[in-house]
Amino acid sequence: MEKNIVRDVLFLGQKSDEATENDKEVITDLKDTLKANHERCVGMAANMIGYRKRIIIISVGFTDVVMVNPVILQKNIPYDTEEGCLSLEGVRKTRRFQKIKVQYLDETFKKQVREYEGFIAQIIQHECDHLDGVLI
């Protein structure tokens, strides 16, 4: 079900809890909400739609990737950039890494370890920040 985007910085500033297989509804709601906002959004964390669970979704062009309990294992090649966010007004400066290695559970709760680079890596870092209560 499509959810409203949370803009409450006190809620967004809280760390999210580990997700379990009981949180499959959160995954469905993230998919539906990202789809509804696809023209202006390329990624979303569960807390952006009211769930304090460690689940993110990112758009990788032709498909969306769900990451449950993602952990960034490696970061390489730092750079400075500006980002916007559906939950916040305007754009803000931030530091990101060109290449990252991420461990997560996919939406079937199977463990994955993948490397990402470029814009997709940037989206993942932004959404993982959300899970830690870090706002750009």
N, C-alpha and C. Protein backbone atom coordinates (compact mmCIF):
# COMPACT_ATOMS: atom_id res chain seq x y z
N MET A 1 0.83 -1.17 0.00
CA MET A 1 0.00 0.00 0.00
C MET A 1 0.89 1.25 0.00
N GLU A 2 0.55 2.22 -0.83
CA GLU A 2 1.31 3.46 -0.86
C GLU A 2 1.14 4.20 0.46
N LYS A 3 2.24 4.71 1.00
CA LYS A 3 2.24 5.44 2.27
C LYS A 3 2.64 6.89 2.04
N ASN A 4 2.29 7.75 2.98
CA ASN A 4 2.72 9.14 2.95
C ASN A 4 4.20 9.22 3.32
N ILE A 5 4.89 10.22 2.78
CA ILE A 5 6.30 10.44 3.07
C ILE A 5 6.43 11.18 4.40
N VAL A 6 7.21 10.62 5.32
CA VAL A 6 7.44 11.22 6.64
C VAL A 6 8.42 12.38 6.49
N ARG A 7 8.08 13.51 7.10
CA ARG A 7 8.96 14.68 7.07
C ARG A 7 9.36 15.13 8.49
N ASP A 8 8.97 14.37 9.48
CA ASP A 8 9.28 14.67 10.88
C ASP A 8 10.74 14.32 11.18
N VAL A 9 11.59 15.36 11.32
CA VAL A 9 13.02 15.11 11.51
C VAL A 9 13.32 14.40 12.83
N LEU A 10 12.47 14.52 13.83
CA LEU A 10 12.68 13.79 15.09
C LEU A 10 12.51 12.29 14.87
N PHE A 11 11.49 11.91 14.11
CA PHE A 11 11.29 10.50 13.79
C PHE A 11 12.41 10.00 12.89
N LEU A 12 12.72 10.76 11.85
CA LEU A 12 13.75 10.36 10.89
C LEU A 12 15.13 10.30 11.52
N GLY A 13 15.35 11.02 12.61
CA GLY A 13 16.64 11.06 13.28
C GLY A 13 16.88 9.88 14.21
N GLN A 14 15.93 8.98 14.32
CA GLN A 14 16.08 7.80 15.19
C GLN A 14 16.66 6.63 14.39
N LYS A 15 17.49 5.82 15.05
CA LYS A 15 18.02 4.62 14.41
C LYS A 15 16.91 3.60 14.22
N SER A 16 17.00 2.89 13.11
CA SER A 16 16.00 1.86 12.81
C SER A 16 16.40 0.52 13.44
N ASP A 17 15.38 -0.31 13.68
CA ASP A 17 15.57 -1.63 14.26
C ASP A 17 15.79 -2.67 13.17
N GLU A 18 16.48 -3.76 13.53
CA GLU A 18 16.68 -4.86 12.59
C GLU A 18 15.32 -5.34 12.08
N ALA A 19 15.28 -5.68 10.81
CA ALA A 19 14.06 -6.21 10.20
C ALA A 19 14.08 -7.73 10.26
N THR A 20 12.90 -8.32 10.28
CA THR A 20 12.75 -9.78 10.27
C THR A 20 11.77 -10.17 9.17
N GLU A 21 11.57 -11.46 9.01
CA GLU A 21 10.62 -11.92 8.00
C GLU A 21 9.19 -11.49 8.32
N ASN A 22 8.95 -11.05 9.55
CA ASN A 22 7.62 -10.52 9.92
C ASN A 22 7.37 -9.13 9.33
N ASP A 23 8.39 -8.55 8.70
CA ASP A 23 8.28 -7.19 8.16
C ASP A 23 8.05 -7.17 6.65
N LYS A 24 7.53 -8.25 6.09
CA LYS A 24 7.30 -8.30 4.64
C LYS A 24 6.31 -7.24 4.17
N GLU A 25 5.39 -6.84 5.03
CA GLU A 25 4.44 -5.78 4.67
C GLU A 25 5.18 -4.47 4.40
N VAL A 26 6.26 -4.24 5.15
CA VAL A 26 7.06 -3.03 4.96
C VAL A 26 7.66 -3.03 3.55
N ILE A 27 8.13 -4.18 3.10
CA ILE A 27 8.71 -4.29 1.76
C ILE A 27 7.66 -3.96 0.70
N THR A 28 6.47 -4.52 0.85
CA THR A 28 5.38 -4.23 -0.09
C THR A 28 5.05 -2.75 -0.11
N ASP A 29 4.96 -2.14 1.06
CA ASP A 29 4.64 -0.71 1.14
C ASP A 29 5.75 0.15 0.54
N LEU A 30 7.02 -0.25 0.74
CA LEU A 30 8.13 0.48 0.12
C LEU A 30 8.05 0.40 -1.40
N LYS A 31 7.79 -0.78 -1.93
CA LYS A 31 7.66 -0.95 -3.38
C LYS A 31 6.55 -0.07 -3.94
N ASP A 32 5.40 -0.10 -3.30
CA ASP A 32 4.26 0.67 -3.77
C ASP A 32 4.51 2.18 -3.68
N THR A 33 5.15 2.61 -2.61
CA THR A 33 5.40 4.04 -2.42
C THR A 33 6.49 4.54 -3.36
N LEU A 34 7.54 3.74 -3.58
CA LEU A 34 8.57 4.14 -4.55
C LEU A 34 7.96 4.23 -5.95
N LYS A 35 7.14 3.26 -6.30
CA LYS A 35 6.50 3.27 -7.62
C LYS A 35 5.65 4.53 -7.80
N ALA A 36 4.93 4.91 -6.77
CA ALA A 36 4.07 6.10 -6.83
C ALA A 36 4.88 7.40 -6.94
N ASN A 37 6.13 7.37 -6.48
CA ASN A 37 7.00 8.55 -6.49
C ASN A 37 8.16 8.42 -7.47
N HIS A 38 8.07 7.48 -8.39
CA HIS A 38 9.18 7.13 -9.27
C HIS A 38 9.72 8.31 -10.07
N GLU A 39 8.90 9.27 -10.42
CA GLU A 39 9.36 10.41 -11.23
C GLU A 39 10.28 11.34 -10.45
N ARG A 40 10.22 11.29 -9.11
CA ARG A 40 11.03 12.21 -8.31
C ARG A 40 11.84 11.53 -7.22
N CYS A 41 11.95 10.20 -7.29
CA CYS A 41 12.63 9.46 -6.23
C CYS A 41 13.30 8.21 -6.80
N VAL A 42 14.56 7.95 -6.36
CA VAL A 42 15.30 6.78 -6.84
C VAL A 42 15.63 5.80 -5.72
N GLY A 43 15.24 6.12 -4.51
CA GLY A 43 15.49 5.24 -3.38
C GLY A 43 14.68 5.66 -2.19
N MET A 44 14.50 4.73 -1.26
CA MET A 44 13.67 5.02 -0.11
C MET A 44 14.06 4.08 1.04
N ALA A 45 14.02 4.61 2.25
CA ALA A 45 14.24 3.82 3.45
C ALA A 45 12.89 3.66 4.17
N ALA A 46 12.75 2.59 4.92
CA ALA A 46 11.48 2.31 5.58
C ALA A 46 11.02 3.44 6.50
N ASN A 47 11.97 4.13 7.14
CA ASN A 47 11.53 5.20 8.05
C ASN A 47 10.92 6.37 7.30
N MET A 48 11.18 6.49 6.01
CA MET A 48 10.58 7.55 5.21
C MET A 48 9.08 7.35 5.02
N ILE A 49 8.60 6.11 5.29
CA ILE A 49 7.17 5.84 5.19
C ILE A 49 6.60 5.39 6.54
N GLY A 50 7.32 5.69 7.62
CA GLY A 50 6.78 5.47 8.96
C GLY A 50 7.17 4.21 9.68
N TYR A 51 8.06 3.42 9.11
CA TYR A 51 8.51 2.18 9.76
C TYR A 51 9.97 2.34 10.19
N ARG A 52 10.26 2.11 11.46
CA ARG A 52 11.65 2.16 11.92
C ARG A 52 12.27 0.77 11.79
N LYS A 53 12.39 0.33 10.56
CA LYS A 53 12.96 -0.97 10.23
C LYS A 53 14.10 -0.78 9.24
N ARG A 54 15.12 -1.63 9.34
CA ARG A 54 16.31 -1.51 8.49
C ARG A 54 16.04 -2.17 7.12
N ILE A 55 15.24 -1.47 6.31
CA ILE A 55 14.93 -1.94 4.97
C ILE A 55 15.00 -0.74 4.03
N ILE A 56 15.66 -0.94 2.89
CA ILE A 56 15.71 0.11 1.88
C ILE A 56 15.31 -0.49 0.53
N ILE A 57 14.97 0.40 -0.39
CA ILE A 57 14.71 0.00 -1.77
C ILE A 57 15.37 1.03 -2.67
N ILE A 58 15.99 0.55 -3.74
CA ILE A 58 16.63 1.46 -4.68
C ILE A 58 16.19 1.09 -6.10
N SER A 59 16.07 2.10 -6.93
CA SER A 59 15.72 1.90 -8.32
C SER A 59 17.02 1.78 -9.11
N VAL A 60 17.16 0.68 -9.83
CA VAL A 60 18.36 0.48 -10.65
C VAL A 60 17.94 0.40 -12.11
N GLY A 61 17.14 1.35 -12.53
CA GLY A 61 16.69 1.42 -13.91
C GLY A 61 15.48 0.57 -14.17
N PHE A 62 15.70 -0.61 -14.70
CA PHE A 62 14.59 -1.48 -15.11
C PHE A 62 13.94 -2.23 -13.95
N THR A 63 14.55 -2.19 -12.77
CA THR A 63 13.99 -2.92 -11.63
C THR A 63 14.33 -2.20 -10.34
N ASP A 64 13.69 -2.62 -9.27
CA ASP A 64 13.97 -2.09 -7.95
C ASP A 64 14.60 -3.19 -7.11
N VAL A 65 15.57 -2.81 -6.27
CA VAL A 65 16.27 -3.78 -5.41
C VAL A 65 15.94 -3.47 -3.96
N VAL A 66 15.46 -4.48 -3.25
CA VAL A 66 15.18 -4.37 -1.82
C VAL A 66 16.38 -4.91 -1.05
N MET A 67 16.79 -4.16 -0.02
CA MET A 67 17.88 -4.59 0.85
C MET A 67 17.39 -4.57 2.29
N VAL A 68 17.40 -5.73 2.91
CA VAL A 68 16.98 -5.87 4.30
C VAL A 68 18.23 -5.95 5.16
N ASN A 69 18.28 -5.13 6.21
CA ASN A 69 19.43 -5.07 7.12
C ASN A 69 20.76 -4.87 6.39
N PRO A 70 20.83 -3.88 5.48
CA PRO A 70 22.08 -3.68 4.74
C PRO A 70 23.20 -3.17 5.63
N VAL A 71 24.42 -3.65 5.32
CA VAL A 71 25.63 -3.19 6.01
C VAL A 71 26.67 -2.91 4.94
N ILE A 72 27.20 -1.69 4.96
CA ILE A 72 28.25 -1.35 4.01
C ILE A 72 29.57 -1.86 4.59
N LEU A 73 30.18 -2.82 3.89
CA LEU A 73 31.39 -3.47 4.37
C LEU A 73 32.65 -2.72 3.96
N GLN A 74 32.62 -2.11 2.78
CA GLN A 74 33.79 -1.38 2.28
C GLN A 74 33.33 -0.12 1.56
N LYS A 75 34.16 0.92 1.67
CA LYS A 75 33.93 2.19 0.96
C LYS A 75 35.25 2.62 0.35
N ASN A 76 35.22 2.97 -0.94
CA ASN A 76 36.43 3.40 -1.63
C ASN A 76 36.17 4.64 -2.49
N ILE A 77 37.16 5.47 -2.61
CA ILE A 77 37.18 6.67 -3.46
C ILE A 77 36.13 7.69 -3.01
N PRO A 78 36.45 8.45 -1.95
CA PRO A 78 35.52 9.46 -1.46
C PRO A 78 35.39 10.64 -2.42
N TYR A 79 34.21 11.25 -2.41
CA TYR A 79 33.97 12.47 -3.18
C TYR A 79 32.87 13.28 -2.50
N ASP A 80 32.84 14.57 -2.78
CA ASP A 80 31.81 15.45 -2.23
C ASP A 80 30.74 15.67 -3.29
N THR A 81 29.49 15.74 -2.83
CA THR A 81 28.36 15.91 -3.74
C THR A 81 27.23 16.63 -3.03
N GLU A 82 26.13 16.85 -3.73
CA GLU A 82 24.92 17.42 -3.14
C GLU A 82 23.78 16.46 -3.42
N GLU A 83 22.89 16.33 -2.43
CA GLU A 83 21.76 15.42 -2.58
C GLU A 83 20.48 16.08 -2.09
N GLY A 84 19.40 15.63 -2.67
CA GLY A 84 18.07 15.99 -2.20
C GLY A 84 17.43 14.77 -1.57
N CYS A 85 16.27 14.98 -0.96
CA CYS A 85 15.56 13.89 -0.29
C CYS A 85 14.07 14.22 -0.26
N LEU A 86 13.25 13.24 -0.51
CA LEU A 86 11.79 13.45 -0.45
C LEU A 86 11.34 13.93 0.92
N SER A 87 12.05 13.53 1.96
CA SER A 87 11.66 13.87 3.33
C SER A 87 12.13 15.25 3.76
N LEU A 88 13.02 15.88 2.99
CA LEU A 88 13.61 17.16 3.38
C LEU A 88 13.52 18.16 2.23
N GLU A 89 13.50 19.43 2.58
CA GLU A 89 13.48 20.50 1.57
C GLU A 89 14.89 20.76 1.05
N GLY A 90 15.00 21.06 -0.23
CA GLY A 90 16.26 21.51 -0.80
C GLY A 90 17.30 20.42 -0.97
N VAL A 91 18.54 20.86 -1.23
CA VAL A 91 19.67 19.95 -1.38
C VAL A 91 20.73 20.31 -0.34
N ARG A 92 21.52 19.31 0.01
CA ARG A 92 22.56 19.51 1.02
C ARG A 92 23.85 18.85 0.56
N LYS A 93 24.97 19.40 1.03
CA LYS A 93 26.28 18.82 0.70
C LYS A 93 26.53 17.60 1.58
N THR A 94 27.21 16.62 1.01
CA THR A 94 27.54 15.41 1.74
C THR A 94 28.76 14.75 1.10
N ARG A 95 29.36 13.83 1.82
CA ARG A 95 30.49 13.05 1.31
C ARG A 95 30.02 11.62 1.06
N ARG A 96 30.35 11.12 -0.11
CA ARG A 96 30.01 9.75 -0.49
C ARG A 96 31.25 9.05 -1.00
N PHE A 97 31.09 7.77 -1.33
CA PHE A 97 32.17 6.95 -1.86
C PHE A 97 31.76 6.37 -3.20
N GLN A 98 32.69 6.38 -4.15
CA GLN A 98 32.41 5.94 -5.52
C GLN A 98 32.10 4.44 -5.59
N LYS A 99 32.80 3.64 -4.77
CA LYS A 99 32.60 2.19 -4.79
C LYS A 99 32.32 1.70 -3.38
N ILE A 100 31.33 0.81 -3.27
CA ILE A 100 31.00 0.23 -1.96
C ILE A 100 30.74 -1.27 -2.12
N LYS A 101 30.89 -1.97 -1.01
CA LYS A 101 30.54 -3.39 -0.94
C LYS A 101 29.48 -3.51 0.16
N VAL A 102 28.35 -4.15 -0.15
CA VAL A 102 27.21 -4.19 0.77
C VAL A 102 26.79 -5.64 1.01
N GLN A 103 26.52 -5.93 2.29
CA GLN A 103 25.94 -7.22 2.67
C GLN A 103 24.51 -6.94 3.09
N TYR A 104 23.58 -7.75 2.62
CA TYR A 104 22.17 -7.55 2.95
C TYR A 104 21.38 -8.83 2.70
N LEU A 105 20.16 -8.84 3.13
CA LEU A 105 19.23 -9.90 2.80
C LEU A 105 18.34 -9.39 1.68
N ASP A 106 18.10 -10.21 0.66
CA ASP A 106 17.19 -9.78 -0.39
C ASP A 106 15.75 -9.95 0.10
N GLU A 107 14.79 -9.68 -0.75
CA GLU A 107 13.41 -9.71 -0.26
C GLU A 107 12.91 -11.12 0.04
N THR A 108 13.66 -12.15 -0.33
CA THR A 108 13.32 -13.52 0.08
C THR A 108 14.14 -13.92 1.31
N PHE A 109 14.86 -12.95 1.86
CA PHE A 109 15.69 -13.10 3.06
C PHE A 109 16.88 -14.03 2.84
N LYS A 110 17.37 -14.02 1.61
CA LYS A 110 18.59 -14.74 1.27
C LYS A 110 19.75 -13.75 1.34
N LYS A 111 20.86 -14.17 1.98
CA LYS A 111 22.03 -13.30 2.15
C LYS A 111 22.69 -13.00 0.81
N GLN A 112 23.03 -11.72 0.62
CA GLN A 112 23.71 -11.26 -0.59
C GLN A 112 24.92 -10.41 -0.19
N VAL A 113 25.96 -10.46 -0.98
CA VAL A 113 27.09 -9.53 -0.85
C VAL A 113 27.37 -9.05 -2.26
N ARG A 114 27.23 -7.74 -2.46
CA ARG A 114 27.38 -7.17 -3.80
C ARG A 114 28.23 -5.90 -3.74
N GLU A 115 28.86 -5.61 -4.87
CA GLU A 115 29.60 -4.36 -5.00
C GLU A 115 28.82 -3.45 -5.94
N TYR A 116 28.80 -2.16 -5.59
CA TYR A 116 28.10 -1.16 -6.39
C TYR A 116 29.02 0.03 -6.57
N GLU A 117 28.79 0.77 -7.65
CA GLU A 117 29.59 1.97 -7.85
C GLU A 117 28.74 3.05 -8.50
N GLY A 118 29.27 4.26 -8.49
CA GLY A 118 28.61 5.38 -9.14
C GLY A 118 27.33 5.80 -8.44
N PHE A 119 26.35 6.17 -9.25
CA PHE A 119 25.11 6.73 -8.71
C PHE A 119 24.35 5.73 -7.85
N ILE A 120 24.35 4.46 -8.23
CA ILE A 120 23.65 3.45 -7.43
C ILE A 120 24.29 3.33 -6.05
N ALA A 121 25.62 3.37 -5.99
CA ALA A 121 26.32 3.33 -4.70
C ALA A 121 25.94 4.55 -3.86
N GLN A 122 25.81 5.70 -4.50
CA GLN A 122 25.43 6.92 -3.79
C GLN A 122 24.03 6.78 -3.19
N ILE A 123 23.10 6.24 -3.94
CA ILE A 123 21.73 6.05 -3.45
C ILE A 123 21.74 5.13 -2.22
N ILE A 124 22.46 4.02 -2.32
CA ILE A 124 22.52 3.07 -1.20
C ILE A 124 23.07 3.74 0.05
N GLN A 125 24.13 4.54 -0.10
CA GLN A 125 24.72 5.23 1.05
C GLN A 125 23.71 6.20 1.67
N HIS A 126 22.98 6.92 0.83
CA HIS A 126 21.96 7.87 1.32
C HIS A 126 20.90 7.13 2.13
N GLU A 127 20.40 6.03 1.58
CA GLU A 127 19.33 5.28 2.26
C GLU A 127 19.84 4.61 3.53
N CYS A 128 21.08 4.10 3.51
CA CYS A 128 21.66 3.51 4.74
C CYS A 128 21.83 4.56 5.82
N ASP A 129 22.16 5.80 5.42
CA ASP A 129 22.21 6.90 6.41
C ASP A 129 20.85 7.05 7.10
N HIS A 130 19.79 6.97 6.32
CA HIS A 130 18.44 7.06 6.91
C HIS A 130 18.25 6.02 8.01
N LEU A 131 18.72 4.81 7.76
CA LEU A 131 18.54 3.72 8.73
C LEU A 131 19.27 4.02 10.04
N ASP A 132 20.35 4.80 9.95
CA ASP A 132 21.12 5.17 11.13
C ASP A 132 20.68 6.49 11.74
N GLY A 133 19.61 7.06 11.20
CA GLY A 133 19.10 8.33 11.74
C GLY A 133 19.91 9.53 11.29
N VAL A 134 20.72 9.35 10.24
CA VAL A 134 21.56 10.45 9.73
C VAL A 134 20.83 11.12 8.58
N LEU A 135 20.60 12.43 8.74
CA LEU A 135 19.96 13.21 7.70
C LEU A 135 21.00 14.09 7.03
N ILE A 136 20.96 14.15 5.71
CA ILE A 136 21.92 15.02 5.01
C ILE A 136 21.54 16.47 5.21
